[in-house]
């Protein structure tokens, strides 16, 4: 099992920006598809963005054009740059390895990082 440590969340006003980071354990980071997910209160966890081992990216419809996922294989780290934040982006954000075709997460969840966007 790979373990994840997310950071970078906080309280921000609508229209603001945050950059989340996630450090993954293990030596096979560079071959894994990585995803960012989020869970808002009372809602199911949803996929936000994924990045393949070849740096191909995909985004949920609600964040397209506002969020950017990237990775640094030398640091075993995946990032999520979030711009033009909206109150509906408020959630706990998690990262995970995921299946490269189905994007289903593969490992146990970390603690996540809380993002709160005020109106």
PDB file of N, CA and C in Angstrom:
ATOM      1  N   UNK A   1       0.833  -1.203   0.000  1.00  0.00           N
ATOM      2  CA  UNK A   1       0.000   0.000   0.000  1.00  0.00           C
ATOM      3  C   UNK A   1       0.862   1.245   0.000  1.00  0.00           C
ATOM      4  N   UNK A   2       0.482   2.173  -0.835  1.00  0.00           N
ATOM      5  CA  UNK A   2       1.136   3.474  -0.875  1.00  0.00           C
ATOM      6  C   UNK A   2       0.427   4.391   0.119  1.00  0.00           C
ATOM      7  N   UNK A   3       1.184   5.244   0.769  1.00  0.00           N
ATOM      8  CA  UNK A   3       0.607   6.216   1.696  1.00  0.00           C
ATOM      9  C   UNK A   3       0.754   7.623   1.139  1.00  0.00           C
ATOM     10  N   UNK A   4      -0.170   8.491   1.520  1.00  0.00           N
ATOM     11  CA  UNK A   4      -0.226   9.832   0.961  1.00  0.00           C
ATOM     12  C   UNK A   4      -0.326  10.870   2.071  1.00  0.00           C
ATOM     13  N   UNK A   5       0.373  11.985   1.876  1.00  0.00           N
ATOM     14  CA  UNK A   5       0.277  13.108   2.792  1.00  0.00           C
ATOM     15  C   UNK A   5      -0.063  14.355   1.984  1.00  0.00           C
ATOM     16  N   UNK A   6      -1.284  14.850   2.196  1.00  0.00           N
ATOM     17  CA  UNK A   6      -1.756  16.026   1.472  1.00  0.00           C
ATOM     18  C   UNK A   6      -1.528  17.290   2.316  1.00  0.00           C
ATOM     19  N   UNK A   7      -1.299  18.403   1.646  1.00  0.00           N
ATOM     20  CA  UNK A   7      -1.114  19.677   2.336  1.00  0.00           C
ATOM     21  C   UNK A   7      -1.471  20.823   1.403  1.00  0.00           C
ATOM     22  N   UNK A   8      -1.553  22.020   1.969  1.00  0.00           N
ATOM     23  CA  UNK A   8      -1.775  23.211   1.168  1.00  0.00           C
ATOM     24  C   UNK A   8      -3.164  23.789   1.227  1.00  0.00           C
ATOM     25  N   UNK A   9      -4.071  23.119   1.921  1.00  0.00           N
ATOM     26  CA  UNK A   9      -5.423  23.640   2.020  1.00  0.00           C
ATOM     27  C   UNK A   9      -5.490  24.861   2.927  1.00  0.00           C
ATOM     28  N   UNK A  10      -6.684  25.439   2.996  1.00  0.00           N
ATOM     29  CA  UNK A  10      -6.872  26.608   3.846  1.00  0.00           C
ATOM     30  C   UNK A  10      -8.182  27.297   3.543  1.00  0.00           C
ATOM     31  N   UNK A  11      -8.320  28.486   4.116  1.00  0.00           N
ATOM     32  CA  UNK A  11      -9.500  29.317   3.914  1.00  0.00           C
ATOM     33  C   UNK A  11      -9.159  30.409   2.912  1.00  0.00           C
ATOM     34  N   UNK A  12      -9.971  30.548   1.888  1.00  0.00           N
ATOM     35  CA  UNK A  12      -9.720  31.527   0.843  1.00  0.00           C
ATOM     36  C   UNK A  12     -11.046  32.122   0.391  1.00  0.00           C
ATOM     37  N   UNK A  13     -10.998  33.358  -0.063  1.00  0.00           N
ATOM     38  CA  UNK A  13     -12.199  33.992  -0.579  1.00  0.00           C
ATOM     39  C   UNK A  13     -12.485  33.509  -1.990  1.00  0.00           C
ATOM     40  N   UNK A  14     -13.740  33.575  -2.370  1.00  0.00           N
ATOM     41  CA  UNK A  14     -14.119  33.225  -3.738  1.00  0.00           C
ATOM     42  C   UNK A  14     -13.294  34.042  -4.729  1.00  0.00           C
ATOM     43  N   UNK A  15     -12.845  33.372  -5.785  1.00  0.00           N
ATOM     44  CA  UNK A  15     -11.982  34.006  -6.765  1.00  0.00           C
ATOM     45  C   UNK A  15     -10.502  33.840  -6.487  1.00  0.00           C
ATOM     46  N   UNK A  16     -10.187  33.356  -5.310  1.00  0.00           N
ATOM     47  CA  UNK A  16      -8.789  33.180  -4.927  1.00  0.00           C
ATOM     48  C   UNK A  16      -8.196  31.881  -5.442  1.00  0.00           C
ATOM     49  N   UNK A  17      -6.953  31.628  -5.028  1.00  0.00           N
ATOM     50  CA  UNK A  17      -6.212  30.469  -5.501  1.00  0.00           C
ATOM     51  C   UNK A  17      -5.555  29.730  -4.335  1.00  0.00           C
ATOM     52  N   UNK A  18      -5.352  28.443  -4.525  1.00  0.00           N
ATOM     53  CA  UNK A  18      -4.588  27.613  -3.613  1.00  0.00           C
ATOM     54  C   UNK A  18      -3.822  26.583  -4.437  1.00  0.00           C
ATOM     55  N   UNK A  19      -2.709  26.117  -3.878  1.00  0.00           N
ATOM     56  CA  UNK A  19      -1.952  25.041  -4.506  1.00  0.00           C
ATOM     57  C   UNK A  19      -1.799  23.910  -3.503  1.00  0.00           C
ATOM     58  N   UNK A  20      -2.383  22.770  -3.832  1.00  0.00           N
ATOM     59  CA  UNK A  20      -2.298  21.597  -2.980  1.00  0.00           C
ATOM     60  C   UNK A  20      -1.126  20.720  -3.409  1.00  0.00           C
ATOM     61  N   UNK A  21      -0.541  20.047  -2.417  1.00  0.00           N
ATOM     62  CA  UNK A  21       0.539  19.099  -2.674  1.00  0.00           C
ATOM     63  C   UNK A  21       0.204  17.765  -2.045  1.00  0.00           C
ATOM     64  N   UNK A  22       0.700  16.714  -2.645  1.00  0.00           N
ATOM     65  CA  UNK A  22       0.513  15.368  -2.098  1.00  0.00           C
ATOM     66  C   UNK A  22       1.800  14.586  -2.316  1.00  0.00           C
ATOM     67  N   UNK A  23       2.400  14.141  -1.227  1.00  0.00           N
ATOM     68  CA  UNK A  23       3.604  13.321  -1.294  1.00  0.00           C
ATOM     69  C   UNK A  23       3.211  11.866  -1.096  1.00  0.00           C
ATOM     70  N   UNK A  24       3.667  11.015  -1.996  1.00  0.00           N
ATOM     71  CA  UNK A  24       3.352   9.588  -1.938  1.00  0.00           C
ATOM     72  C   UNK A  24       4.586   8.799  -1.538  1.00  0.00           C
ATOM     73  N   UNK A  25       4.356   7.743  -0.758  1.00  0.00           N
ATOM     74  CA  UNK A  25       5.461   6.863  -0.374  1.00  0.00           C
ATOM     75  C   UNK A  25       5.746   5.874  -1.493  1.00  0.00           C
ATOM     76  N   UNK A  26       6.881   5.180  -1.397  1.00  0.00           N
ATOM     77  CA  UNK A  26       7.173   4.123  -2.346  1.00  0.00           C
ATOM     78  C   UNK A  26       8.054   4.571  -3.483  1.00  0.00           C
ATOM     79  N   UNK A  27       8.552   3.592  -4.228  1.00  0.00           N
ATOM     80  CA  UNK A  27       9.535   3.852  -5.275  1.00  0.00           C
ATOM     81  C   UNK A  27       8.967   3.784  -6.685  1.00  0.00           C
ATOM     82  N   UNK A  28       7.672   3.522  -6.800  1.00  0.00           N
ATOM     83  CA  UNK A  28       7.109   3.339  -8.136  1.00  0.00           C
ATOM     84  C   UNK A  28       6.205   4.496  -8.544  1.00  0.00           C
ATOM     85  N   UNK A  29       6.389   5.646  -7.898  1.00  0.00           N
ATOM     86  CA  UNK A  29       5.494   6.786  -8.142  1.00  0.00           C
ATOM     87  C   UNK A  29       5.404   7.119  -9.620  1.00  0.00           C
ATOM     88  N   UNK A  30       6.543   7.124 -10.308  1.00  0.00           N
ATOM     89  CA  UNK A  30       6.558   7.642 -11.672  1.00  0.00           C
ATOM     90  C   UNK A  30       5.747   6.812 -12.654  1.00  0.00           C
ATOM     91  N   UNK A  31       5.447   5.565 -12.317  1.00  0.00           N
ATOM     92  CA  UNK A  31       4.694   4.729 -13.249  1.00  0.00           C
ATOM     93  C   UNK A  31       3.193   4.739 -12.952  1.00  0.00           C
ATOM     94  N   UNK A  32       2.813   5.439 -11.902  1.00  0.00           N
ATOM     95  CA  UNK A  32       1.408   5.414 -11.479  1.00  0.00           C
ATOM     96  C   UNK A  32       0.609   6.578 -12.038  1.00  0.00           C
ATOM     97  N   UNK A  33      -0.650   6.299 -12.362  1.00  0.00           N
ATOM     98  CA  UNK A  33      -1.615   7.365 -12.593  1.00  0.00           C
ATOM     99  C   UNK A  33      -2.062   7.879 -11.231  1.00  0.00           C
ATOM    100  N   UNK A  34      -2.049   9.184 -11.077  1.00  0.00           N
ATOM    101  CA  UNK A  34      -2.399   9.806  -9.796  1.00  0.00           C
ATOM    102  C   UNK A  34      -3.644  10.672  -9.960  1.00  0.00           C
ATOM    103  N   UNK A  35      -4.446  10.689  -8.918  1.00  0.00           N
ATOM    104  CA  UNK A  35      -5.670  11.472  -8.967  1.00  0.00           C
ATOM    105  C   UNK A  35      -5.868  12.324  -7.733  1.00  0.00           C
ATOM    106  N   UNK A  36      -6.549  13.427  -7.906  1.00  0.00           N
ATOM    107  CA  UNK A  36      -7.063  14.235  -6.804  1.00  0.00           C
ATOM    108  C   UNK A  36      -8.572  14.009  -6.729  1.00  0.00           C
ATOM    109  N   UNK A  37      -9.056  13.836  -5.518  1.00  0.00           N
ATOM    110  CA  UNK A  37     -10.465  13.620  -5.261  1.00  0.00           C
ATOM    111  C   UNK A  37     -10.893  14.598  -4.173  1.00  0.00           C
ATOM    112  N   UNK A  38     -12.188  14.821  -4.042  1.00  0.00           N
ATOM    113  CA  UNK A  38     -12.672  15.685  -2.978  1.00  0.00           C
ATOM    114  C   UNK A  38     -13.996  15.158  -2.444  1.00  0.00           C
ATOM    115  N   UNK A  39     -14.237  15.496  -1.182  1.00  0.00           N
ATOM    116  CA  UNK A  39     -15.490  15.118  -0.551  1.00  0.00           C
ATOM    117  C   UNK A  39     -16.027  16.297   0.238  1.00  0.00           C
ATOM    118  N   UNK A  40     -17.173  16.771  -0.181  1.00  0.00           N
ATOM    119  CA  UNK A  40     -17.852  17.859   0.522  1.00  0.00           C
ATOM    120  C   UNK A  40     -18.783  17.262   1.571  1.00  0.00           C
ATOM    121  N   UNK A  41     -19.131  18.026   2.593  1.00  0.00           N
ATOM    122  CA  UNK A  41     -20.020  17.514   3.644  1.00  0.00           C
ATOM    123  C   UNK A  41     -21.332  16.990   3.063  1.00  0.00           C
ATOM    124  N   UNK A  42     -21.686  15.771   3.453  1.00  0.00           N
ATOM    125  CA  UNK A  42     -22.945  15.188   3.017  1.00  0.00           C
ATOM    126  C   UNK A  42     -22.955  14.684   1.592  1.00  0.00           C
ATOM    127  N   UNK A  43     -21.795  14.699   0.931  1.00  0.00           N
ATOM    128  CA  UNK A  43     -21.732  14.265  -0.454  1.00  0.00           C
ATOM    129  C   UNK A  43     -20.733  13.134  -0.613  1.00  0.00           C
ATOM    130  N   UNK A  44     -20.862  12.411  -1.711  1.00  0.00           N
ATOM    131  CA  UNK A  44     -19.911  11.346  -2.015  1.00  0.00           C
ATOM    132  C   UNK A  44     -18.594  11.940  -2.513  1.00  0.00           C
ATOM    133  N   UNK A  45     -17.534  11.179  -2.314  1.00  0.00           N
ATOM    134  CA  UNK A  45     -16.240  11.589  -2.827  1.00  0.00           C
ATOM    135  C   UNK A  45     -16.290  11.586  -4.354  1.00  0.00           C
ATOM    136  N   UNK A  46     -15.689  12.599  -4.949  1.00  0.00           N
ATOM    137  CA  UNK A  46     -15.715  12.690  -6.412  1.00  0.00           C
ATOM    138  C   UNK A  46     -14.310  12.946  -6.956  1.00  0.00           C
ATOM    139  N   UNK A  47     -14.123  12.505  -8.194  1.00  0.00           N
ATOM    140  CA  UNK A  47     -12.853  12.720  -8.867  1.00  0.00           C
ATOM    141  C   UNK A  47     -12.755  14.175  -9.325  1.00  0.00           C
ATOM    142  N   UNK A  48     -11.589  14.775  -9.071  1.00  0.00           N
ATOM    143  CA  UNK A  48     -11.353  16.151  -9.491  1.00  0.00           C
ATOM    144  C   UNK A  48     -10.463  16.187 -10.729  1.00  0.00           C
ATOM    145  N   UNK A  49      -9.338  15.458 -10.669  1.00  0.00           N
ATOM    146  CA  UNK A  49      -8.380  15.495 -11.779  1.00  0.00           C
ATOM    147  C   UNK A  49      -7.482  14.270 -11.695  1.00  0.00           C
ATOM    148  N   UNK A  50      -6.979  13.845 -12.843  1.00  0.00           N
ATOM    149  CA  UNK A  50      -6.019  12.751 -12.882  1.00  0.00           C
ATOM    150  C   UNK A  50      -4.878  13.123 -13.814  1.00  0.00           C
ATOM    151  N   UNK A  51      -3.717  12.493 -13.554  1.00  0.00           N
ATOM    152  CA  UNK A  51      -2.561  12.672 -14.416  1.00  0.00           C
ATOM    153  C   UNK A  51      -1.885  11.321 -14.582  1.00  0.00           C
ATOM    154  N   UNK A  52      -1.641  10.951 -15.817  1.00  0.00           N
ATOM    155  CA  UNK A  52      -1.045   9.653 -16.101  1.00  0.00           C
ATOM    156  C   UNK A  52       0.465   9.704 -15.938  1.00  0.00           C
ATOM    157  N   UNK A  53       1.097   8.548 -16.066  1.00  0.00           N
ATOM    158  CA  UNK A  53       2.557   8.492 -16.001  1.00  0.00           C
ATOM    159  C   UNK A  53       3.174   9.268 -17.156  1.00  0.00           C
ATOM    160  N   UNK A  54       2.423   9.446 -18.229  1.00  0.00           N
ATOM    161  CA  UNK A  54       2.898  10.217 -19.373  1.00  0.00           C
ATOM    162  C   UNK A  54       2.409  11.654 -19.391  1.00  0.00           C
ATOM    163  N   UNK A  55       1.931  12.105 -18.237  1.00  0.00           N
ATOM    164  CA  UNK A  55       1.488  13.493 -18.048  1.00  0.00           C
ATOM    165  C   UNK A  55       0.233  13.864 -18.844  1.00  0.00           C
ATOM    166  N   UNK A  56      -0.563  12.876 -19.201  1.00  0.00           N
ATOM    167  CA  UNK A  56      -1.874  13.164 -19.798  1.00  0.00           C
ATOM    168  C   UNK A  56      -2.834  13.479 -18.659  1.00  0.00           C
ATOM    169  N   UNK A  57      -3.573  14.567 -18.798  1.00  0.00           N
ATOM    170  CA  UNK A  57      -4.443  15.022 -17.717  1.00  0.00           C
ATOM    171  C   UNK A  57      -5.915  14.967 -18.128  1.00  0.00           C
ATOM    172  N   UNK A  58      -6.759  14.763 -17.129  1.00  0.00           N
ATOM    173  CA  UNK A  58      -8.206  14.824 -17.306  1.00  0.00           C
ATOM    174  C   UNK A  58      -8.815  15.481 -16.083  1.00  0.00           C
ATOM    175  N   UNK A  59      -9.945  16.161 -16.282  1.00  0.00           N
ATOM    176  CA  UNK A  59     -10.559  16.936 -15.211  1.00  0.00           C
ATOM    177  C   UNK A  59     -12.051  16.688 -15.134  1.00  0.00           C
ATOM    178  N   UNK A  60     -12.579  16.815 -13.903  1.00  0.00           N
ATOM    179  CA  UNK A  60     -14.007  16.827 -13.751  1.00  0.00           C
ATOM    180  C   UNK A  60     -14.597  18.070 -14.395  1.00  0.00           C
ATOM    181  N   UNK A  61     -15.834  17.963 -14.856  1.00  0.00           N
ATOM    182  CA  UNK A  61     -16.446  19.072 -15.586  1.00  0.00           C
ATOM    183  C   UNK A  61     -16.500  20.353 -14.748  1.00  0.00           C
ATOM    184  N   UNK A  62     -16.688  20.210 -13.453  1.00  0.00           N
ATOM    185  CA  UNK A  62     -16.880  21.386 -12.608  1.00  0.00           C
ATOM    186  C   UNK A  62     -15.590  22.177 -12.385  1.00  0.00           C
ATOM    187  N   UNK A  63     -14.440  21.591 -12.710  1.00  0.00           N
ATOM    188  CA  UNK A  63     -13.177  22.286 -12.450  1.00  0.00           C
ATOM    189  C   UNK A  63     -12.391  22.580 -13.718  1.00  0.00           C
ATOM    190  N   UNK A  64     -12.864  22.128 -14.854  1.00  0.00           N
ATOM    191  CA  UNK A  64     -12.144  22.357 -16.113  1.00  0.00           C
ATOM    192  C   UNK A  64     -11.919  23.846 -16.349  1.00  0.00           C
ATOM    193  N   UNK A  65     -10.688  24.177 -16.726  1.00  0.00           N
ATOM    194  CA  UNK A  65     -10.351  25.567 -16.983  1.00  0.00           C
ATOM    195  C   UNK A  65      -9.965  26.350 -15.747  1.00  0.00           C
ATOM    196  N   UNK A  66     -10.156  25.765 -14.570  1.00  0.00           N
ATOM    197  CA  UNK A  66      -9.813  26.464 -13.319  1.00  0.00           C
ATOM    198  C   UNK A  66      -8.703  25.756 -12.549  1.00  0.00           C
ATOM    199  N   UNK A  67      -8.686  24.422 -12.602  1.00  0.00           N
ATOM    200  CA  UNK A  67      -7.709  23.636 -11.850  1.00  0.00           C
ATOM    201  C   UNK A  67      -6.693  23.024 -12.813  1.00  0.00           C
ATOM    202  N   UNK A  68      -5.465  22.838 -12.319  1.00  0.00           N
ATOM    203  CA  UNK A  68      -4.410  22.199 -13.097  1.00  0.00           C
ATOM    204  C   UNK A  68      -3.680  21.192 -12.225  1.00  0.00           C
ATOM    205  N   UNK A  69      -3.611  19.954 -12.701  1.00  0.00           N
ATOM    206  CA  UNK A  69      -2.876  18.910 -11.997  1.00  0.00           C
ATOM    207  C   UNK A  69      -1.501  18.757 -12.645  1.00  0.00           C
ATOM    208  N   UNK A  70      -0.498  18.520 -11.813  1.00  0.00           N
ATOM    209  CA  UNK A  70       0.857  18.313 -12.318  1.00  0.00           C
ATOM    210  C   UNK A  70       1.581  17.369 -11.366  1.00  0.00           C
ATOM    211  N   UNK A  71       2.770  16.936 -11.764  1.00  0.00           N
ATOM    212  CA  UNK A  71       3.504  16.002 -10.925  1.00  0.00           C
ATOM    213  C   UNK A  71       4.995  16.264 -11.037  1.00  0.00           C
ATOM    214  N   UNK A  72       5.713  15.895  -9.977  1.00  0.00           N
ATOM    215  CA  UNK A  72       7.171  15.944  -9.950  1.00  0.00           C
ATOM    216  C   UNK A  72       7.643  14.572  -9.494  1.00  0.00           C
ATOM    217  N   UNK A  73       8.062  13.750 -10.440  1.00  0.00           N
ATOM    218  CA  UNK A  73       8.419  12.369 -10.098  1.00  0.00           C
ATOM    219  C   UNK A  73       9.655  12.300  -9.201  1.00  0.00           C
ATOM    220  N   UNK A  74      10.546  13.267  -9.327  1.00  0.00           N
ATOM    221  CA  UNK A  74      11.743  13.271  -8.482  1.00  0.00           C
ATOM    222  C   UNK A  74      11.396  13.479  -7.011  1.00  0.00           C
ATOM    223  N   UNK A  75      10.255  14.098  -6.754  1.00  0.00           N
ATOM    224  CA  UNK A  75       9.830  14.375  -5.383  1.00  0.00           C
ATOM    225  C   UNK A  75       8.655  13.507  -4.946  1.00  0.00           C
ATOM    226  N   UNK A  76       8.253  12.550  -5.787  1.00  0.00           N
ATOM    227  CA  UNK A  76       7.082  11.714  -5.476  1.00  0.00           C
ATOM    228  C   UNK A  76       5.870  12.572  -5.105  1.00  0.00           C
ATOM    229  N   UNK A  77       5.675  13.660  -5.819  1.00  0.00           N
ATOM    230  CA  UNK A  77       4.653  14.635  -5.441  1.00  0.00           C
ATOM    231  C   UNK A  77       3.741  14.954  -6.618  1.00  0.00           C
ATOM    232  N   UNK A  78       2.458  15.066  -6.302  1.00  0.00           N
ATOM    233  CA  UNK A  78       1.468  15.524  -7.270  1.00  0.00           C
ATOM    234  C   UNK A  78       0.850  16.804  -6.727  1.00  0.00           C
ATOM    235  N   UNK A  79       0.596  17.746  -7.622  1.00  0.00           N
ATOM    236  CA  UNK A  79       0.088  19.057  -7.232  1.00  0.00           C
ATOM    237  C   UNK A  79      -1.288  19.296  -7.840  1.00  0.00           C
ATOM    238  N   UNK A  80      -2.023  20.195  -7.204  1.00  0.00           N
ATOM    239  CA  UNK A  80      -3.279  20.671  -7.764  1.00  0.00           C
ATOM    240  C   UNK A  80      -3.322  22.180  -7.589  1.00  0.00           C
ATOM    241  N   UNK A  81      -3.153  22.894  -8.690  1.00  0.00           N
ATOM    242  CA  UNK A  81      -3.277  24.349  -8.676  1.00  0.00           C
ATOM    243  C   UNK A  81      -4.743  24.691  -8.902  1.00  0.00           C
ATOM    244  N   UNK A  82      -5.317  25.421  -7.952  1.00  0.00           N
ATOM    245  CA  UNK A  82      -6.733  25.749  -8.012  1.00  0.00           C
ATOM    246  C   UNK A  82      -6.887  27.252  -8.112  1.00  0.00           C
ATOM    247  N   UNK A  83      -7.450  27.703  -9.203  1.00  0.00           N
ATOM    248  CA  UNK A  83      -7.687  29.126  -9.432  1.00  0.00           C
ATOM    249  C   UNK A  83      -9.184  29.397  -9.532  1.00  0.00           C
ATOM    250  N   UNK A  84      -9.550  30.658  -9.413  1.00  0.00           N
ATOM    251  CA  UNK A  84     -10.960  31.071  -9.525  1.00  0.00           C
ATOM    252  C   UNK A  84     -11.856  30.205  -8.643  1.00  0.00           C
ATOM    253  N   UNK A  85     -11.450  30.040  -7.413  1.00  0.00           N
ATOM    254  CA  UNK A  85     -12.178  29.159  -6.505  1.00  0.00           C
ATOM    255  C   UNK A  85     -13.582  29.671  -6.227  1.00  0.00           C
ATOM    256  N   UNK A  86     -14.490  28.713  -6.058  1.00  0.00           N
ATOM    257  CA  UNK A  86     -15.894  28.998  -5.798  1.00  0.00           C
ATOM    258  C   UNK A  86     -16.289  28.358  -4.465  1.00  0.00           C
ATOM    259  N   UNK A  87     -17.332  28.876  -3.815  1.00  0.00           N
ATOM    260  CA  UNK A  87     -17.776  28.249  -2.558  1.00  0.00           C
ATOM    261  C   UNK A  87     -18.077  26.763  -2.717  1.00  0.00           C
ATOM    262  N   UNK A  88     -18.547  26.355  -3.877  1.00  0.00           N
ATOM    263  CA  UNK A  88     -18.864  24.936  -4.094  1.00  0.00           C
ATOM    264  C   UNK A  88     -17.623  24.058  -4.212  1.00  0.00           C
ATOM    265  N   UNK A  89     -16.438  24.651  -4.240  1.00  0.00           N
ATOM    266  CA  UNK A  89     -15.199  23.879  -4.199  1.00  0.00           C
ATOM    267  C   UNK A  89     -14.817  23.488  -2.770  1.00  0.00           C
ATOM    268  N   UNK A  90     -15.546  23.990  -1.798  1.00  0.00           N
ATOM    269  CA  UNK A  90     -15.277  23.655  -0.405  1.00  0.00           C
ATOM    270  C   UNK A  90     -15.421  22.152  -0.178  1.00  0.00           C
ATOM    271  N   UNK A  91     -14.360  21.531   0.325  1.00  0.00           N
ATOM    272  CA  UNK A  91     -14.331  20.087   0.519  1.00  0.00           C
ATOM    273  C   UNK A  91     -13.005  19.696   1.155  1.00  0.00           C
ATOM    274  N   UNK A  92     -12.921  18.439   1.557  1.00  0.00           N
ATOM    275  CA  UNK A  92     -11.633  17.861   1.909  1.00  0.00           C
ATOM    276  C   UNK A  92     -11.068  17.224   0.633  1.00  0.00           C
ATOM    277  N   UNK A  93      -9.834  17.552   0.325  1.00  0.00           N
ATOM    278  CA  UNK A  93      -9.189  17.081  -0.899  1.00  0.00           C
ATOM    279  C   UNK A  93      -8.189  15.975  -0.572  1.00  0.00           C
ATOM    280  N   UNK A  94      -8.224  14.925  -1.351  1.00  0.00           N
ATOM    281  CA  UNK A  94      -7.373  13.762  -1.169  1.00  0.00           C
ATOM    282  C   UNK A  94      -6.675  13.416  -2.480  1.00  0.00           C
ATOM    283  N   UNK A  95      -5.524  12.774  -2.370  1.00  0.00           N
ATOM    284  CA  UNK A  95      -4.915  12.204  -3.565  1.00  0.00           C
ATOM    285  C   UNK A  95      -4.822  10.695  -3.395  1.00  0.00           C
ATOM    286  N   UNK A  96      -4.624   9.992  -4.501  1.00  0.00           N
ATOM    287  CA  UNK A  96      -4.511   8.540  -4.469  1.00  0.00           C
ATOM    288  C   UNK A  96      -3.945   8.072  -5.797  1.00  0.00           C
ATOM    289  N   UNK A  97      -3.354   6.893  -5.789  1.00  0.00           N
ATOM    290  CA  UNK A  97      -3.100   6.202  -7.049  1.00  0.00           C
ATOM    291  C   UNK A  97      -4.444   5.797  -7.610  1.00  0.00           C
ATOM    292  N   UNK A  98      -4.529   5.678  -8.910  1.00  0.00           N
ATOM    293  CA  UNK A  98      -5.787   5.203  -9.468  1.00  0.00           C
ATOM    294  C   UNK A  98      -5.539   4.342 -10.697  1.00  0.00           C
ATOM    295  N   UNK A  99      -6.515   3.528 -11.008  1.00  0.00           N
ATOM    296  CA  UNK A  99      -6.463   2.709 -12.208  1.00  0.00           C
ATOM    297  C   UNK A  99      -6.362   3.625 -13.419  1.00  0.00           C
ATOM    298  N   UNK A 100      -5.455   3.310 -14.310  1.00  0.00           N
ATOM    299  CA  UNK A 100      -5.171   4.223 -15.425  1.00  0.00           C
ATOM    300  C   UNK A 100      -6.299   4.285 -16.451  1.00  0.00           C
ATOM    301  N   UNK A 101      -7.239   3.334 -16.364  1.00  0.00           N
ATOM    302  CA  UNK A 101      -8.358   3.338 -17.319  1.00  0.00           C
ATOM    303  C   UNK A 101      -9.647   3.789 -16.643  1.00  0.00           C
ATOM    304  N   UNK A 102      -9.925   3.219 -15.461  1.00  0.00           N
ATOM    305  CA  UNK A 102     -11.199   3.512 -14.792  1.00  0.00           C
ATOM    306  C   UNK A 102     -11.099   4.682 -13.810  1.00  0.00           C
ATOM    307  N   UNK A 103      -9.868   5.028 -13.417  1.00  0.00           N
ATOM    308  CA  UNK A 103      -9.584   6.087 -12.441  1.00  0.00           C
ATOM    309  C   UNK A 103     -10.123   5.749 -11.055  1.00  0.00           C
ATOM    310  N   UNK A 104     -10.444   4.503 -10.817  1.00  0.00           N
ATOM    311  CA  UNK A 104     -10.860   4.070  -9.486  1.00  0.00           C
ATOM    312  C   UNK A 104      -9.641   4.088  -8.563  1.00  0.00           C
ATOM    313  N   UNK A 105      -9.753   4.687  -7.375  1.00  0.00           N
ATOM    314  CA  UNK A 105      -8.604   4.745  -6.461  1.00  0.00           C
ATOM    315  C   UNK A 105      -8.185   3.368  -5.973  1.00  0.00           C
ATOM    316  N   UNK A 106      -6.883   3.204  -5.709  1.00  0.00           N
ATOM    317  CA  UNK A 106      -6.317   1.888  -5.434  1.00  0.00           C
ATOM    318  C   UNK A 106      -5.880   1.687  -3.984  1.00  0.00           C
ATOM    319  N   UNK A 107      -5.616   2.738  -3.255  1.00  0.00           N
ATOM    320  CA  UNK A 107      -5.046   2.609  -1.919  1.00  0.00           C
ATOM    321  C   UNK A 107      -5.943   3.245  -0.862  1.00  0.00           C
ATOM    322  N   UNK A 108      -5.553   3.038   0.389  1.00  0.00           N
ATOM    323  CA  UNK A 108      -6.262   3.680   1.492  1.00  0.00           C
ATOM    324  C   UNK A 108      -6.066   5.193   1.412  1.00  0.00           C
ATOM    325  N   UNK A 109      -7.004   5.910   1.954  1.00  0.00           N
ATOM    326  CA  UNK A 109      -6.962   7.372   1.896  1.00  0.00           C
ATOM    327  C   UNK A 109      -6.062   7.940   2.992  1.00  0.00           C
ATOM    328  N   UNK A 110      -5.426   9.057   2.670  1.00  0.00           N
ATOM    329  CA  UNK A 110      -4.723   9.819   3.682  1.00  0.00           C
ATOM    330  C   UNK A 110      -5.699  10.693   4.442  1.00  0.00           C
ATOM    331  N   UNK A 111      -5.160  11.647   5.204  1.00  0.00           N
ATOM    332  CA  UNK A 111      -6.025  12.524   5.996  1.00  0.00           C
ATOM    333  C   UNK A 111      -6.688  13.588   5.145  1.00  0.00           C
ATOM    334  N   UNK A 112      -6.135  13.873   4.008  1.00  0.00           N
ATOM    335  CA  UNK A 112      -6.683  14.924   3.180  1.00  0.00           C
ATOM    336  C   UNK A 112      -6.296  16.310   3.675  1.00  0.00           C
ATOM    337  N   UNK A 113      -6.697  17.305   2.920  1.00  0.00           N
ATOM    338  CA  UNK A 113      -6.463  18.693   3.309  1.00  0.00           C
ATOM    339  C   UNK A 113      -7.738  19.483   3.043  1.00  0.00           C
ATOM    340  N   UNK A 114      -8.150  20.261   4.046  1.00  0.00           N
ATOM    341  CA  UNK A 114      -9.421  20.983   3.973  1.00  0.00           C
ATOM    342  C   UNK A 114      -9.263  22.259   3.158  1.00  0.00           C
ATOM    343  N   UNK A 115     -10.165  22.443   2.215  1.00  0.00           N
ATOM    344  CA  UNK A 115     -10.253  23.688   1.447  1.00  0.00           C
ATOM    345  C   UNK A 115     -11.610  24.307   1.724  1.00  0.00           C
ATOM    346  N   UNK A 116     -11.600  25.540   2.184  1.00  0.00           N
ATOM    347  CA  UNK A 116     -12.833  26.258   2.465  1.00  0.00           C
ATOM    348  C   UNK A 116     -12.826  27.562   1.670  1.00  0.00           C
ATOM    349  N   UNK A 117     -13.859  27.754   0.861  1.00  0.00           N
ATOM    350  CA  UNK A 117     -13.960  28.951   0.031  1.00  0.00           C
ATOM    351  C   UNK A 117     -15.159  29.764   0.515  1.00  0.00           C
ATOM    352  N   UNK A 118     -14.884  30.966   0.957  1.00  0.00           N
ATOM    353  CA  UNK A 118     -15.951  31.831   1.467  1.00  0.00           C
ATOM    354  C   UNK A 118     -16.484  32.718   0.346  1.00  0.00           C
ATOM    355  N   UNK A 119     -17.760  33.035   0.456  1.00  0.00           N
ATOM    356  CA  UNK A 119     -18.398  33.874  -0.577  1.00  0.00           C
ATOM    357  C   UNK A 119     -18.277  35.352  -0.259  1.00  0.00           C
TER     358      UNK A 119
END
